[in-house]
């Protein structure tokens, strides 16, 4: 192995690590606020890449119809819940319309725009809107009524949501894979290493999004409210912070991160309906390295995962996934020995 190969592998590892960093941050974000180990995070990645691929063909993606169906179900649940608490029909109807409004608007624009085949950037923006809209609906349908359940119960629900989203992905996108066009076709030579414009976009967007998340949580009132919910859910409720609103906002941000990740990796690899699972698991490994609590540690862990995967694929390509996922075992053992133990009630 010479220096040119090392440079190529390091670039590949950093590029992949940037994606895993985003997914790791999303996993930490969801867990700290809602206590949900969100296994389907990778499905948002696959939905993002495949929705854009269908928009490229001039057709309406199946995710648009799924979004409408989920919005109708969530609106019906909100109408029923509001009616049970208030016995006020106009207020109950208003709650349902509020839940249905944004998804219906996004779906209507998607149906109108799909056959017109706008530019790649417009289609990418529309894809982000579609996939991001799934986040609050997934929380409302699967998790909101179980917000106070045990972490084990929430984990079991996450497994069910993962299988449901994967099956729906097969239904809407089929078994064949798609590869999207690159957002930037430029190439730069750094010595023996050729850096593509898409790699520059991946690293740049990842750094920008990580910086925006830090700015949001450190310097905005709503970000501090989410942090308060993560630290003490009961105390946040007593201070007037809605745990349901916090959960829906958190899932919306997780869906946004997943959609952007799907757009970023779509031009670099062929994405199938179930590709998001492995990608999401690698983000989860990065989050575990950060203890499911530290954003900087998760980002560093993601970079480490990307580099290990790149060099592992060079030395033993058939076992690169095994190498990556085996790393989680010594980390869990170390954290178990170093950390305290408490029983969850």
C-alpha atoms as a PDB file:
ATOM      1  CA  UNK A   1       0.000   0.000   0.000  1.00  0.00           C
ATOM      2  CA  UNK A   2       1.572   3.293  -1.137  1.00  0.00           C
ATOM      3  CA  UNK A   3       0.697   6.862  -0.200  1.00  0.00           C
ATOM      4  CA  UNK A   4      -1.640   7.339  -3.157  1.00  0.00           C
ATOM      5  CA  UNK A   5      -3.798   4.407  -2.044  1.00  0.00           C
ATOM      6  CA  UNK A   6      -3.752   5.695   1.543  1.00  0.00           C
ATOM      7  CA  UNK A   7      -4.925   9.097   0.305  1.00  0.00           C
ATOM      8  CA  UNK A   8      -7.743   7.577  -1.752  1.00  0.00           C
ATOM      9  CA  UNK A   9      -8.896   5.421   1.161  1.00  0.00           C
ATOM     10  CA  UNK A  10      -8.751   8.335   3.582  1.00  0.00           C
ATOM     11  CA  UNK A  11     -10.813  10.518   1.233  1.00  0.00           C
ATOM     12  CA  UNK A  12     -13.370   7.722   0.856  1.00  0.00           C
ATOM     13  CA  UNK A  13     -13.463   7.235   4.633  1.00  0.00           C
ATOM     14  CA  UNK A  14     -13.900  10.948   5.342  1.00  0.00           C
ATOM     15  CA  UNK A  15     -16.668  11.235   2.731  1.00  0.00           C
ATOM     16  CA  UNK A  16     -18.587   8.264   4.137  1.00  0.00           C
ATOM     17  CA  UNK A  17     -17.829   9.403   7.673  1.00  0.00           C
ATOM     18  CA  UNK A  18     -19.478  12.757   6.947  1.00  0.00           C
ATOM     19  CA  UNK A  19     -22.727  10.938   6.099  1.00  0.00           C
ATOM     20  CA  UNK A  20     -22.454   8.693   9.151  1.00  0.00           C
ATOM     21  CA  UNK A  21     -21.857  11.785  11.275  1.00  0.00           C
ATOM     22  CA  UNK A  22     -25.185  13.247  10.192  1.00  0.00           C
ATOM     23  CA  UNK A  23     -27.014   9.995  10.918  1.00  0.00           C
ATOM     24  CA  UNK A  24     -25.207   9.588  14.233  1.00  0.00           C
ATOM     25  CA  UNK A  25     -26.196  13.108  15.259  1.00  0.00           C
ATOM     26  CA  UNK A  26     -29.808  12.389  14.273  1.00  0.00           C
ATOM     27  CA  UNK A  27     -29.772   9.203  16.359  1.00  0.00           C
ATOM     28  CA  UNK A  28     -28.379  11.041  19.382  1.00  0.00           C
ATOM     29  CA  UNK A  29     -30.881  13.868  18.890  1.00  0.00           C
ATOM     30  CA  UNK A  30     -33.896  11.549  18.799  1.00  0.00           C
ATOM     31  CA  UNK A  31     -32.693   9.444  21.729  1.00  0.00           C
ATOM     32  CA  UNK A  32     -31.859  12.320  24.049  1.00  0.00           C
ATOM     33  CA  UNK A  33     -35.198  14.058  23.519  1.00  0.00           C
ATOM     34  CA  UNK A  34     -37.581  11.092  23.203  1.00  0.00           C
ATOM     35  CA  UNK A  35     -35.614   8.070  24.550  1.00  0.00           C
ATOM     36  CA  UNK A  36     -36.300   6.329  21.222  1.00  0.00           C
ATOM     37  CA  UNK A  37     -33.473   4.339  19.634  1.00  0.00           C
ATOM     38  CA  UNK A  38     -34.650   5.195  16.145  1.00  0.00           C
ATOM     39  CA  UNK A  39     -33.683   2.205  14.015  1.00  0.00           C
ATOM     40  CA  UNK A  40     -35.589   3.446  10.893  1.00  0.00           C
ATOM     41  CA  UNK A  41     -33.322   6.499  10.564  1.00  0.00           C
ATOM     42  CA  UNK A  42     -31.728   4.829   7.543  1.00  0.00           C
ATOM     43  CA  UNK A  43     -35.110   4.456   5.847  1.00  0.00           C
ATOM     44  CA  UNK A  44     -35.321   8.237   5.573  1.00  0.00           C
ATOM     45  CA  UNK A  45     -32.004   8.067   3.689  1.00  0.00           C
ATOM     46  CA  UNK A  46     -33.340   5.501   1.221  1.00  0.00           C
ATOM     47  CA  UNK A  47     -36.629   7.377   0.838  1.00  0.00           C
ATOM     48  CA  UNK A  48     -34.724  10.581   0.068  1.00  0.00           C
ATOM     49  CA  UNK A  49     -32.526   9.036  -2.625  1.00  0.00           C
ATOM     50  CA  UNK A  50     -35.318   7.002  -4.234  1.00  0.00           C
ATOM     51  CA  UNK A  51     -37.914   9.790  -4.145  1.00  0.00           C
ATOM     52  CA  UNK A  52     -35.517  12.029  -6.070  1.00  0.00           C
ATOM     53  CA  UNK A  53     -34.871   9.178  -8.529  1.00  0.00           C
ATOM     54  CA  UNK A  54     -38.605   8.845  -9.238  1.00  0.00           C
ATOM     55  CA  UNK A  55     -38.944  12.613  -9.649  1.00  0.00           C
ATOM     56  CA  UNK A  56     -36.167  12.346 -12.254  1.00  0.00           C
ATOM     57  CA  UNK A  57     -38.363  10.032 -14.333  1.00  0.00           C
ATOM     58  CA  UNK A  58     -41.233  12.539 -14.361  1.00  0.00           C
ATOM     59  CA  UNK A  59     -43.523  10.383 -12.226  1.00  0.00           C
ATOM     60  CA  UNK A  60     -45.108  11.009  -8.837  1.00  0.00           C
ATOM     61  CA  UNK A  61     -43.187   9.019  -6.171  1.00  0.00           C
ATOM     62  CA  UNK A  62     -45.172   6.548  -4.099  1.00  0.00           C
ATOM     63  CA  UNK A  63     -43.933   8.320  -0.987  1.00  0.00           C
ATOM     64  CA  UNK A  64     -46.292  11.196  -1.832  1.00  0.00           C
ATOM     65  CA  UNK A  65     -49.334   8.901  -1.552  1.00  0.00           C
ATOM     66  CA  UNK A  66     -47.916   7.307   1.598  1.00  0.00           C
ATOM     67  CA  UNK A  67     -47.486  10.797   3.061  1.00  0.00           C
ATOM     68  CA  UNK A  68     -51.136  11.597   2.367  1.00  0.00           C
ATOM     69  CA  UNK A  69     -52.322   8.325   3.896  1.00  0.00           C
ATOM     70  CA  UNK A  70     -50.289   8.846   7.063  1.00  0.00           C
ATOM     71  CA  UNK A  71     -51.475  12.448   7.316  1.00  0.00           C
ATOM     72  CA  UNK A  72     -55.124  11.366   7.105  1.00  0.00           C
ATOM     73  CA  UNK A  73     -54.582   8.736   9.823  1.00  0.00           C
ATOM     74  CA  UNK A  74     -52.757  11.219  12.071  1.00  0.00           C
ATOM     75  CA  UNK A  75     -55.464  13.846  11.511  1.00  0.00           C
ATOM     76  CA  UNK A  76     -58.170  11.323  12.429  1.00  0.00           C
ATOM     77  CA  UNK A  77     -56.287  10.469  15.638  1.00  0.00           C
ATOM     78  CA  UNK A  78     -55.963  14.154  16.540  1.00  0.00           C
ATOM     79  CA  UNK A  79     -59.651  14.799  15.877  1.00  0.00           C
ATOM     80  CA  UNK A  80     -60.634  11.862  18.078  1.00  0.00           C
ATOM     81  CA  UNK A  81     -58.250  12.819  20.886  1.00  0.00           C
ATOM     82  CA  UNK A  82     -59.297  16.491  20.876  1.00  0.00           C
ATOM     83  CA  UNK A  83     -62.971  15.535  20.871  1.00  0.00           C
ATOM     84  CA  UNK A  84     -62.465  13.205  23.847  1.00  0.00           C
ATOM     85  CA  UNK A  85     -60.810  15.970  25.862  1.00  0.00           C
ATOM     86  CA  UNK A  86     -62.921  18.981  24.897  1.00  0.00           C
ATOM     87  CA  UNK A  87     -66.186  17.723  23.397  1.00  0.00           C
ATOM     88  CA  UNK A  88     -65.805  20.724  21.087  1.00  0.00           C
ATOM     89  CA  UNK A  89     -66.434  19.791  17.429  1.00  0.00           C
ATOM     90  CA  UNK A  90     -64.918  22.954  15.826  1.00  0.00           C
ATOM     91  CA  UNK A  91     -61.784  22.631  17.957  1.00  0.00           C
ATOM     92  CA  UNK A  92     -61.456  18.931  17.102  1.00  0.00           C
ATOM     93  CA  UNK A  93     -61.883  19.678  13.397  1.00  0.00           C
ATOM     94  CA  UNK A  94     -59.301  22.455  13.622  1.00  0.00           C
ATOM     95  CA  UNK A  95     -56.786  20.027  15.168  1.00  0.00           C
ATOM     96  CA  UNK A  96     -57.306  17.615  12.281  1.00  0.00           C
ATOM     97  CA  UNK A  97     -56.925  20.323   9.637  1.00  0.00           C
ATOM     98  CA  UNK A  98     -53.746  21.587  11.322  1.00  0.00           C
ATOM     99  CA  UNK A  99     -52.215  18.082  11.130  1.00  0.00           C
ATOM    100  CA  UNK A 100     -53.299  17.557   7.530  1.00  0.00           C
ATOM    101  CA  UNK A 101     -52.421  20.977   6.112  1.00  0.00           C
ATOM    102  CA  UNK A 102     -48.666  20.786   5.505  1.00  0.00           C
ATOM    103  CA  UNK A 103     -48.550  17.185   4.174  1.00  0.00           C
ATOM    104  CA  UNK A 104     -51.495  17.908   1.852  1.00  0.00           C
ATOM    105  CA  UNK A 105     -49.796  21.055   0.543  1.00  0.00           C
ATOM    106  CA  UNK A 106     -46.498  19.214  -0.040  1.00  0.00           C
ATOM    107  CA  UNK A 107     -48.328  16.361  -1.786  1.00  0.00           C
ATOM    108  CA  UNK A 108     -50.280  18.737  -4.029  1.00  0.00           C
ATOM    109  CA  UNK A 109     -47.113  20.576  -5.106  1.00  0.00           C
ATOM    110  CA  UNK A 110     -45.378  17.237  -5.757  1.00  0.00           C
ATOM    111  CA  UNK A 111     -48.215  15.958  -7.965  1.00  0.00           C
ATOM    112  CA  UNK A 112     -48.172  19.232  -9.911  1.00  0.00           C
ATOM    113  CA  UNK A 113     -44.382  19.451 -10.255  1.00  0.00           C
ATOM    114  CA  UNK A 114     -43.478  15.810 -11.008  1.00  0.00           C
ATOM    115  CA  UNK A 115     -44.483  15.671 -14.716  1.00  0.00           C
ATOM    116  CA  UNK A 116     -42.936  19.075 -15.416  1.00  0.00           C
ATOM    117  CA  UNK A 117     -39.436  17.758 -14.611  1.00  0.00           C
ATOM    118  CA  UNK A 118     -37.930  20.876 -13.113  1.00  0.00           C
ATOM    119  CA  UNK A 119     -34.207  21.225 -12.508  1.00  0.00           C
ATOM    120  CA  UNK A 120     -32.314  18.834 -10.234  1.00  0.00           C
ATOM    121  CA  UNK A 121     -32.089  21.395  -7.415  1.00  0.00           C
ATOM    122  CA  UNK A 122     -35.849  22.026  -7.471  1.00  0.00           C
ATOM    123  CA  UNK A 123     -36.545  18.302  -7.413  1.00  0.00           C
ATOM    124  CA  UNK A 124     -34.075  17.888  -4.551  1.00  0.00           C
ATOM    125  CA  UNK A 125     -35.813  20.631  -2.559  1.00  0.00           C
ATOM    126  CA  UNK A 126     -39.184  19.000  -3.169  1.00  0.00           C
ATOM    127  CA  UNK A 127     -37.763  15.641  -2.079  1.00  0.00           C
ATOM    128  CA  UNK A 128     -36.529  17.162   1.171  1.00  0.00           C
ATOM    129  CA  UNK A 129     -40.000  18.607   1.829  1.00  0.00           C
ATOM    130  CA  UNK A 130     -41.698  15.249   1.174  1.00  0.00           C
ATOM    131  CA  UNK A 131     -39.380  13.149   3.339  1.00  0.00           C
ATOM    132  CA  UNK A 132     -39.139  15.708   6.149  1.00  0.00           C
ATOM    133  CA  UNK A 133     -42.932  15.705   6.410  1.00  0.00           C
ATOM    134  CA  UNK A 134     -42.777  12.020   7.351  1.00  0.00           C
ATOM    135  CA  UNK A 135     -40.959  12.741  10.613  1.00  0.00           C
ATOM    136  CA  UNK A 136     -43.781  14.267  12.705  1.00  0.00           C
ATOM    137  CA  UNK A 137     -46.280  11.777  11.265  1.00  0.00           C
ATOM    138  CA  UNK A 138     -44.137   8.775  12.212  1.00  0.00           C
ATOM    139  CA  UNK A 139     -43.858  10.132  15.741  1.00  0.00           C
ATOM    140  CA  UNK A 140     -47.590  10.852  15.942  1.00  0.00           C
ATOM    141  CA  UNK A 141     -48.689   7.442  14.676  1.00  0.00           C
ATOM    142  CA  UNK A 142     -46.106   5.187  16.333  1.00  0.00           C
ATOM    143  CA  UNK A 143     -44.600   6.897  19.370  1.00  0.00           C
ATOM    144  CA  UNK A 144     -46.664   9.748  20.782  1.00  0.00           C
ATOM    145  CA  UNK A 145     -49.139   7.553  22.653  1.00  0.00           C
ATOM    146  CA  UNK A 146     -46.189   5.578  24.074  1.00  0.00           C
ATOM    147  CA  UNK A 147     -44.099   8.582  25.116  1.00  0.00           C
ATOM    148  CA  UNK A 148     -43.937   7.437  28.744  1.00  0.00           C
ATOM    149  CA  UNK A 149     -43.322   3.759  27.966  1.00  0.00           C
ATOM    150  CA  UNK A 150     -40.057   2.002  28.787  1.00  0.00           C
ATOM    151  CA  UNK A 151     -37.052   2.237  26.481  1.00  0.00           C
ATOM    152  CA  UNK A 152     -37.442  -1.463  25.665  1.00  0.00           C
ATOM    153  CA  UNK A 153     -41.021  -0.916  24.498  1.00  0.00           C
ATOM    154  CA  UNK A 154     -39.944   2.021  22.344  1.00  0.00           C
ATOM    155  CA  UNK A 155     -37.133  -0.091  20.868  1.00  0.00           C
ATOM    156  CA  UNK A 156     -39.602  -2.840  19.930  1.00  0.00           C
ATOM    157  CA  UNK A 157     -41.825  -0.235  18.271  1.00  0.00           C
ATOM    158  CA  UNK A 158     -38.792   1.051  16.339  1.00  0.00           C
ATOM    159  CA  UNK A 159     -38.127  -2.438  15.001  1.00  0.00           C
ATOM    160  CA  UNK A 160     -41.749  -2.636  13.829  1.00  0.00           C
ATOM    161  CA  UNK A 161     -41.575   0.799  12.193  1.00  0.00           C
ATOM    162  CA  UNK A 162     -38.353  -0.240  10.429  1.00  0.00           C
ATOM    163  CA  UNK A 163     -39.933  -3.349   8.908  1.00  0.00           C
ATOM    164  CA  UNK A 164     -43.046  -1.391   7.919  1.00  0.00           C
ATOM    165  CA  UNK A 165     -41.047   1.359   6.177  1.00  0.00           C
ATOM    166  CA  UNK A 166     -38.802  -1.173   4.441  1.00  0.00           C
ATOM    167  CA  UNK A 167     -41.806  -3.128   3.153  1.00  0.00           C
ATOM    168  CA  UNK A 168     -43.486   0.054   1.943  1.00  0.00           C
ATOM    169  CA  UNK A 169     -40.235   1.033   0.238  1.00  0.00           C
ATOM    170  CA  UNK A 170     -40.302  -2.247  -1.698  1.00  0.00           C
ATOM    171  CA  UNK A 171     -43.946  -1.617  -2.625  1.00  0.00           C
ATOM    172  CA  UNK A 172     -43.396   1.920  -3.885  1.00  0.00           C
ATOM    173  CA  UNK A 173     -39.914   1.711  -5.425  1.00  0.00           C
ATOM    174  CA  UNK A 174     -39.549  -1.936  -6.419  1.00  0.00           C
ATOM    175  CA  UNK A 175     -36.535  -4.184  -5.966  1.00  0.00           C
ATOM    176  CA  UNK A 176     -34.316  -2.434  -8.518  1.00  0.00           C
ATOM    177  CA  UNK A 177     -31.828   0.178  -7.405  1.00  0.00           C
ATOM    178  CA  UNK A 178     -31.410   3.778  -8.556  1.00  0.00           C
ATOM    179  CA  UNK A 179     -28.435   6.082  -8.883  1.00  0.00           C
ATOM    180  CA  UNK A 180     -28.999   9.825  -9.044  1.00  0.00           C
ATOM    181  CA  UNK A 181     -27.012  12.360 -11.100  1.00  0.00           C
ATOM    182  CA  UNK A 182     -24.262  14.259  -9.371  1.00  0.00           C
ATOM    183  CA  UNK A 183     -24.940  17.770  -8.115  1.00  0.00           C
ATOM    184  CA  UNK A 184     -21.454  18.892  -9.200  1.00  0.00           C
ATOM    185  CA  UNK A 185     -19.379  17.112 -11.852  1.00  0.00           C
ATOM    186  CA  UNK A 186     -16.092  18.936 -11.206  1.00  0.00           C
ATOM    187  CA  UNK A 187     -12.888  17.070 -10.329  1.00  0.00           C
ATOM    188  CA  UNK A 188      -9.893  18.401  -8.403  1.00  0.00           C
ATOM    189  CA  UNK A 189      -6.451  16.851  -8.204  1.00  0.00           C
ATOM    190  CA  UNK A 190      -4.732  16.949  -4.813  1.00  0.00           C
ATOM    191  CA  UNK A 191      -1.466  15.255  -5.639  1.00  0.00           C
ATOM    192  CA  UNK A 192      -2.259  11.628  -6.484  1.00  0.00           C
ATOM    193  CA  UNK A 193      -5.823  11.907  -5.161  1.00  0.00           C
ATOM    194  CA  UNK A 194      -8.720  13.016  -7.366  1.00  0.00           C
ATOM    195  CA  UNK A 195     -11.480  14.738  -5.387  1.00  0.00           C
ATOM    196  CA  UNK A 196     -14.911  14.856  -7.016  1.00  0.00           C
ATOM    197  CA  UNK A 197     -17.259  17.795  -6.706  1.00  0.00           C
ATOM    198  CA  UNK A 198     -19.848  15.512  -5.101  1.00  0.00           C
ATOM    199  CA  UNK A 199     -17.376  14.610  -2.334  1.00  0.00           C
ATOM    200  CA  UNK A 200     -16.776  18.319  -1.700  1.00  0.00           C
ATOM    201  CA  UNK A 201     -20.546  18.866  -1.471  1.00  0.00           C
ATOM    202  CA  UNK A 202     -20.968  15.936   0.944  1.00  0.00           C
ATOM    203  CA  UNK A 203     -18.253  17.169   3.302  1.00  0.00           C
ATOM    204  CA  UNK A 204     -19.324  20.817   3.027  1.00  0.00           C
ATOM    205  CA  UNK A 205     -23.032  20.180   3.583  1.00  0.00           C
ATOM    206  CA  UNK A 206     -22.300  17.854   6.493  1.00  0.00           C
ATOM    207  CA  UNK A 207     -20.083  20.427   8.216  1.00  0.00           C
ATOM    208  CA  UNK A 208     -22.635  23.186   7.574  1.00  0.00           C
ATOM    209  CA  UNK A 209     -25.513  21.121   8.949  1.00  0.00           C
ATOM    210  CA  UNK A 210     -23.533  20.123  12.038  1.00  0.00           C
ATOM    211  CA  UNK A 211     -22.716  23.800  12.608  1.00  0.00           C
ATOM    212  CA  UNK A 212     -26.363  24.800  12.186  1.00  0.00           C
ATOM    213  CA  UNK A 213     -27.455  22.149  14.680  1.00  0.00           C
ATOM    214  CA  UNK A 214     -24.916  23.425  17.197  1.00  0.00           C
ATOM    215  CA  UNK A 215     -26.097  26.998  16.631  1.00  0.00           C
ATOM    216  CA  UNK A 216     -29.735  25.915  17.009  1.00  0.00           C
ATOM    217  CA  UNK A 217     -29.260  24.091  20.298  1.00  0.00           C
ATOM    218  CA  UNK A 218     -26.866  26.600  21.844  1.00  0.00           C
ATOM    219  CA  UNK A 219     -28.325  29.944  20.814  1.00  0.00           C
ATOM    220  CA  UNK A 220     -32.064  29.615  20.107  1.00  0.00           C
ATOM    221  CA  UNK A 221     -34.908  29.463  22.587  1.00  0.00           C
ATOM    222  CA  UNK A 222     -36.573  26.495  20.895  1.00  0.00           C
ATOM    223  CA  UNK A 223     -33.292  24.591  20.813  1.00  0.00           C
ATOM    224  CA  UNK A 224     -32.804  25.192  24.520  1.00  0.00           C
ATOM    225  CA  UNK A 225     -36.371  23.984  25.117  1.00  0.00           C
ATOM    226  CA  UNK A 226     -35.545  20.721  23.333  1.00  0.00           C
ATOM    227  CA  UNK A 227     -32.408  20.391  25.441  1.00  0.00           C
ATOM    228  CA  UNK A 228     -34.516  20.926  28.557  1.00  0.00           C
ATOM    229  CA  UNK A 229     -36.853  18.142  27.429  1.00  0.00           C
ATOM    230  CA  UNK A 230     -33.859  15.879  26.955  1.00  0.00           C
ATOM    231  CA  UNK A 231     -32.519  16.615  30.454  1.00  0.00           C
ATOM    232  CA  UNK A 232     -35.792  16.393  32.396  1.00  0.00           C
ATOM    233  CA  UNK A 233     -39.064  15.580  30.627  1.00  0.00           C
ATOM    234  CA  UNK A 234     -41.234  16.142  33.696  1.00  0.00           C
ATOM    235  CA  UNK A 235     -39.529  19.416  34.563  1.00  0.00           C
ATOM    236  CA  UNK A 236     -39.939  20.598  30.968  1.00  0.00           C
ATOM    237  CA  UNK A 237     -43.663  19.855  31.131  1.00  0.00           C
ATOM    238  CA  UNK A 238     -43.975  21.809  34.359  1.00  0.00           C
ATOM    239  CA  UNK A 239     -42.304  24.752  32.624  1.00  0.00           C
ATOM    240  CA  UNK A 240     -44.887  24.631  29.827  1.00  0.00           C
ATOM    241  CA  UNK A 241     -42.767  22.821  27.221  1.00  0.00           C
ATOM    242  CA  UNK A 242     -44.878  20.280  25.312  1.00  0.00           C
ATOM    243  CA  UNK A 243     -43.153  16.908  25.142  1.00  0.00           C
ATOM    244  CA  UNK A 244     -45.354  15.957  22.155  1.00  0.00           C
ATOM    245  CA  UNK A 245     -44.330  19.077  20.225  1.00  0.00           C
ATOM    246  CA  UNK A 246     -40.697  18.413  21.132  1.00  0.00           C
ATOM    247  CA  UNK A 247     -40.987  14.834  19.878  1.00  0.00           C
ATOM    248  CA  UNK A 248     -42.551  15.851  16.582  1.00  0.00           C
ATOM    249  CA  UNK A 249     -39.956  18.590  16.034  1.00  0.00           C
ATOM    250  CA  UNK A 250     -37.151  16.170  16.801  1.00  0.00           C
ATOM    251  CA  UNK A 251     -38.456  13.585  14.361  1.00  0.00           C
ATOM    252  CA  UNK A 252     -38.864  16.304  11.726  1.00  0.00           C
ATOM    253  CA  UNK A 253     -35.185  17.224  12.128  1.00  0.00           C
ATOM    254  CA  UNK A 254     -34.200  13.544  11.980  1.00  0.00           C
ATOM    255  CA  UNK A 255     -36.205  13.110   8.767  1.00  0.00           C
ATOM    256  CA  UNK A 256     -34.605  16.258   7.326  1.00  0.00           C
ATOM    257  CA  UNK A 257     -31.125  14.926   8.097  1.00  0.00           C
ATOM    258  CA  UNK A 258     -32.041  11.556   6.584  1.00  0.00           C
ATOM    259  CA  UNK A 259     -33.424  13.166   3.424  1.00  0.00           C
ATOM    260  CA  UNK A 260     -30.312  15.302   2.940  1.00  0.00           C
ATOM    261  CA  UNK A 261     -28.105  12.256   3.535  1.00  0.00           C
ATOM    262  CA  UNK A 262     -30.029  10.348   0.871  1.00  0.00           C
ATOM    263  CA  UNK A 263     -29.564  13.179  -1.617  1.00  0.00           C
ATOM    264  CA  UNK A 264     -25.840  13.310  -0.849  1.00  0.00           C
ATOM    265  CA  UNK A 265     -25.107   9.595  -1.245  1.00  0.00           C
ATOM    266  CA  UNK A 266     -27.504   9.034  -4.175  1.00  0.00           C
ATOM    267  CA  UNK A 267     -24.906  10.049  -6.810  1.00  0.00           C
ATOM    268  CA  UNK A 268     -22.106   8.007  -5.193  1.00  0.00           C
ATOM    269  CA  UNK A 269     -23.742   4.583  -4.951  1.00  0.00           C
ATOM    270  CA  UNK A 270     -26.758   2.626  -6.160  1.00  0.00           C
ATOM    271  CA  UNK A 271     -29.512   2.862  -3.539  1.00  0.00           C
ATOM    272  CA  UNK A 272     -32.077   0.099  -3.078  1.00  0.00           C
ATOM    273  CA  UNK A 273     -35.254   0.121  -1.008  1.00  0.00           C
ATOM    274  CA  UNK A 274     -33.425  -1.577   1.885  1.00  0.00           C
ATOM    275  CA  UNK A 275     -30.057   0.169   1.585  1.00  0.00           C
ATOM    276  CA  UNK A 276     -30.874   2.560   4.389  1.00  0.00           C
ATOM    277  CA  UNK A 277     -30.709  -0.131   7.066  1.00  0.00           C
ATOM    278  CA  UNK A 278     -26.945  -0.724   6.851  1.00  0.00           C
ATOM    279  CA  UNK A 279     -26.240   2.984   6.425  1.00  0.00           C
ATOM    280  CA  UNK A 280     -28.366   3.802   9.465  1.00  0.00           C
ATOM    281  CA  UNK A 281     -26.676   1.098  11.533  1.00  0.00           C
ATOM    282  CA  UNK A 282     -23.277   2.624  10.844  1.00  0.00           C
ATOM    283  CA  UNK A 283     -24.628   5.948  12.033  1.00  0.00           C
ATOM    284  CA  UNK A 284     -25.900   4.114  15.117  1.00  0.00           C
ATOM    285  CA  UNK A 285     -22.399   2.719  15.764  1.00  0.00           C
ATOM    286  CA  UNK A 286     -21.100   6.294  15.645  1.00  0.00           C
ATOM    287  CA  UNK A 287     -23.823   7.351  18.087  1.00  0.00           C
ATOM    288  CA  UNK A 288     -22.907   4.509  20.458  1.00  0.00           C
ATOM    289  CA  UNK A 289     -19.283   5.647  20.376  1.00  0.00           C
ATOM    290  CA  UNK A 290     -20.629   8.987  21.608  1.00  0.00           C
ATOM    291  CA  UNK A 291     -22.593   7.229  24.345  1.00  0.00           C
ATOM    292  CA  UNK A 292     -25.909   8.206  22.684  1.00  0.00           C
ATOM    293  CA  UNK A 293     -25.482  11.548  24.421  1.00  0.00           C
ATOM    294  CA  UNK A 294     -22.531  13.523  23.029  1.00  0.00           C
ATOM    295  CA  UNK A 295     -22.826  15.193  19.628  1.00  0.00           C
ATOM    296  CA  UNK A 296     -19.063  15.890  19.190  1.00  0.00           C
ATOM    297  CA  UNK A 297     -18.162  12.338  20.228  1.00  0.00           C
ATOM    298  CA  UNK A 298     -20.730  10.944  17.773  1.00  0.00           C
ATOM    299  CA  UNK A 299     -19.221  13.041  14.959  1.00  0.00           C
ATOM    300  CA  UNK A 300     -15.691  11.843  15.799  1.00  0.00           C
ATOM    301  CA  UNK A 301     -16.984   8.280  16.047  1.00  0.00           C
ATOM    302  CA  UNK A 302     -18.578   8.598  12.598  1.00  0.00           C
ATOM    303  CA  UNK A 303     -15.283   9.707  11.093  1.00  0.00           C
ATOM    304  CA  UNK A 304     -13.603   6.716  12.745  1.00  0.00           C
ATOM    305  CA  UNK A 305     -16.281   4.367  11.374  1.00  0.00           C
ATOM    306  CA  UNK A 306     -15.827   5.759   7.865  1.00  0.00           C
ATOM    307  CA  UNK A 307     -12.050   5.305   7.959  1.00  0.00           C
ATOM    308  CA  UNK A 308     -12.295   1.773   9.367  1.00  0.00           C
ATOM    309  CA  UNK A 309     -14.798   0.855   6.662  1.00  0.00           C
ATOM    310  CA  UNK A 310     -12.609   2.284   3.893  1.00  0.00           C
ATOM    311  CA  UNK A 311      -9.427   0.524   4.997  1.00  0.00           C
ATOM    312  CA  UNK A 312     -11.351  -2.638   5.868  1.00  0.00           C
ATOM    313  CA  UNK A 313     -12.821  -2.771   2.359  1.00  0.00           C
ATOM    314  CA  UNK A 314      -9.265  -2.584   0.975  1.00  0.00           C
ATOM    315  CA  UNK A 315      -7.802  -5.344   3.125  1.00  0.00           C
ATOM    316  CA  UNK A 316     -10.859  -7.613   3.407  1.00  0.00           C
ATOM    317  CA  UNK A 317     -13.753  -6.342   1.311  1.00  0.00           C
ATOM    318  CA  UNK A 318     -15.933  -9.377   2.069  1.00  0.00           C
ATOM    319  CA  UNK A 319     -15.764  -8.637   5.803  1.00  0.00           C
ATOM    320  CA  UNK A 320     -15.917  -4.828   5.867  1.00  0.00           C
ATOM    321  CA  UNK A 321     -19.426  -4.809   7.388  1.00  0.00           C
ATOM    322  CA  UNK A 322     -18.382  -7.364  10.002  1.00  0.00           C
ATOM    323  CA  UNK A 323     -15.353  -5.256  10.919  1.00  0.00           C
ATOM    324  CA  UNK A 324     -17.448  -2.105  11.342  1.00  0.00           C
ATOM    325  CA  UNK A 325     -20.202  -3.697  13.422  1.00  0.00           C
ATOM    326  CA  UNK A 326     -17.776  -5.708  15.549  1.00  0.00           C
ATOM    327  CA  UNK A 327     -16.307  -2.418  16.776  1.00  0.00           C
ATOM    328  CA  UNK A 328     -19.449  -1.847  18.820  1.00  0.00           C
ATOM    329  CA  UNK A 329     -18.694  -4.802  21.117  1.00  0.00           C
ATOM    330  CA  UNK A 330     -15.524  -3.502  22.825  1.00  0.00           C
ATOM    331  CA  UNK A 331     -17.107  -0.037  23.028  1.00  0.00           C
ATOM    332  CA  UNK A 332     -20.163  -1.424  24.824  1.00  0.00           C
ATOM    333  CA  UNK A 333     -17.969  -3.483  27.155  1.00  0.00           C
ATOM    334  CA  UNK A 334     -15.843  -0.445  27.978  1.00  0.00           C
ATOM    335  CA  UNK A 335     -18.867   1.777  28.603  1.00  0.00           C
ATOM    336  CA  UNK A 336     -20.478  -0.922  30.731  1.00  0.00           C
ATOM    337  CA  UNK A 337     -17.367  -1.187  32.910  1.00  0.00           C
ATOM    338  CA  UNK A 338     -16.717   2.554  33.085  1.00  0.00           C
ATOM    339  CA  UNK A 339     -20.264   3.782  33.595  1.00  0.00           C
ATOM    340  CA  UNK A 340     -22.664   3.343  36.469  1.00  0.00           C
ATOM    341  CA  UNK A 341     -25.657   1.045  36.372  1.00  0.00           C
ATOM    342  CA  UNK A 342     -29.209   1.924  37.223  1.00  0.00           C
ATOM    343  CA  UNK A 343     -32.457   0.064  36.896  1.00  0.00           C
ATOM    344  CA  UNK A 344     -35.142   1.744  34.809  1.00  0.00           C
ATOM    345  CA  UNK A 345     -38.568   1.877  36.439  1.00  0.00           C
END
